[in-house]
Amino acid sequence: MAQRPAPAPAPSAQTEPTLTTLPPRALSQSIVVASYLLVAAALLLAMWRGLLPGLLCVCLGFLLTRALTGWFAAGLGRVQRQATPSATHLRVAQVTAAGLVMLLPLALLALGFTHSRGYLVSAPQQYQELLTYMARTVLELRLKLPADMASHLPEGVADIQRIIASYLGAKAGALAMAGRAWLAGVLFAYVGLLIGALAAVRPPVLARGPLAQQLKLRITLFGEAFRQIVAAQFWIAAFNTLLTALFLLFVLPIWGLQLPYTPVLITFTFVAGLVPIVGNLVCNVVITIVGLSVSPLAAAACLGFLILIHKAEYVINAKVVGRRTQMGVWELLSVMFVAEAVFGPAGLVAAPLFYAYLKKELVAARLV
C-alpha cells in the first residue's frame, strides 16, 4: 500500500524575508534605494562637518586629471605618430597628469611664500603708515562733526592702536577659531585634490557588485552636474571680470580716482570668480582694501559697486547655471536662498551643484 506524502510544514509566522529570498525586482529596488541613501548621507555629512571644500576638490582633481591625461596621451601619440595611444603612453600620461595636479598647489604655495617675504618684512612699517592715515582721517572727521559726536572719536594714533588692540583681544578666540577653520578647509581641499587625482588614474575594475554599479551611476551623474556647474562658473567669472575692469579702468578715472595694481586686481577677479560666491566675496574685500589705500571715497565707491555686483550674482548665477543645467531661474534662486539660510555661505556654494545633481537623478528616473 502506497504511503501518502507527508504534508509540507506550514510556514512559520516568525520567518522574515531576507535578501536571498526577495524576488529579483524587489532586490534591485532595495539596492537602488540603498545607493540613494548612501549618496544623500555623504552629501549631508560633507555639509555638516565642513567637508565641502574637500568634496569640490575631489571632483575638480578627478576632472582635471582626466582632461590632462587626454591631452598628454594625444601629445605622445602625435610624437610617436600613432593614431591611437598605446597602453604604455596612456599610463605615462596618467602618471604625469596626476603628479602635476598633486604637486602644482605645493609649488604655487612655495612660490607665494617666497614672494611674500618682502611684504612680511615691511608689514610693521605698513601697519604704522595705516595707523597714521587712519588717525589723520579721524582728526579731519573730528573737525567737521559736532562737538558731542566728535568726543566719541579717538584723538590720535595711540588711541586708535589701543582700540584695535582691545578689539583683537576681545575677539582672540573667534579669530583663532576662524583661522583654524580656514586651515582645516585648505587641508581638506588639498586632500580632496589628491583623492580625485588618484581616483582618476586607478586601474579599471572589470567586475562590480550591484551596489557598486548603482553607486558608480550616482557618482557619474554627480560628476556631470559638477562639470556643467564649472563651465557655467567660468562664464560668470568672465562677466564679473568684465564689469570690474570697466569700473576700475573707466568709471573710477572719471571721478579722478585711480587704484594701484589695476591689472593684478582684474586678473585676481577672474581667478577668484571661478569659486562660486565665496571667491567674489574675497575679491570684494581685496579691492575695497586697495581702494582704502587711495581714499575713503574710493573705498566707498568700490564697496558699493562690488556689493551691487554680489547681489546681482544671485540672478546671474541662476540664469547662467539654469540655462546649462536645464533648471528654471526661480528654482535655482529658491534653492540658493534656502540653502544659505540653512547652511550659511557653504550652502550658497553647494546649492547649484546639489540641485543640479538632484535634477539629473529625477530626470534619469523619469520622475520629472
Foldseek 3Di string as FASTA:
>chain_A
DDDDDDDDDDDDPPDDDDLVRDDPVVNLVVLLVVLVVVVVVVVVVCLVVVLVLLVLLLLVLQVQLLVQLVVQQVVVCVVVVHPHRDPVSSLVSLVVSLVCLLCVVVVVVVVVVVVCPVVVVCVVVVVVVVLQVVLVVLVVVLVVDDVVVNVVTDNGSVRVVVVVVVVCVVCVVVVVVVVVSVVVSVVSNSVSSNNNSCVNSDDDDDDDDSSVVSNVVLVVLLSVLSVLLLVLLLVVLVVQLVVLLCCQVPVQVVVVDHFPPSVVLSVQSSVLSSQPLVSLVVSLVVLLVSLVVGPNVRSVVSNVVSVVSSVVVLQSSLVSSCVSLVHHSVVQSVQLVVLCVVSNPSRNRCRSSVVSSVVVVCVVVVND
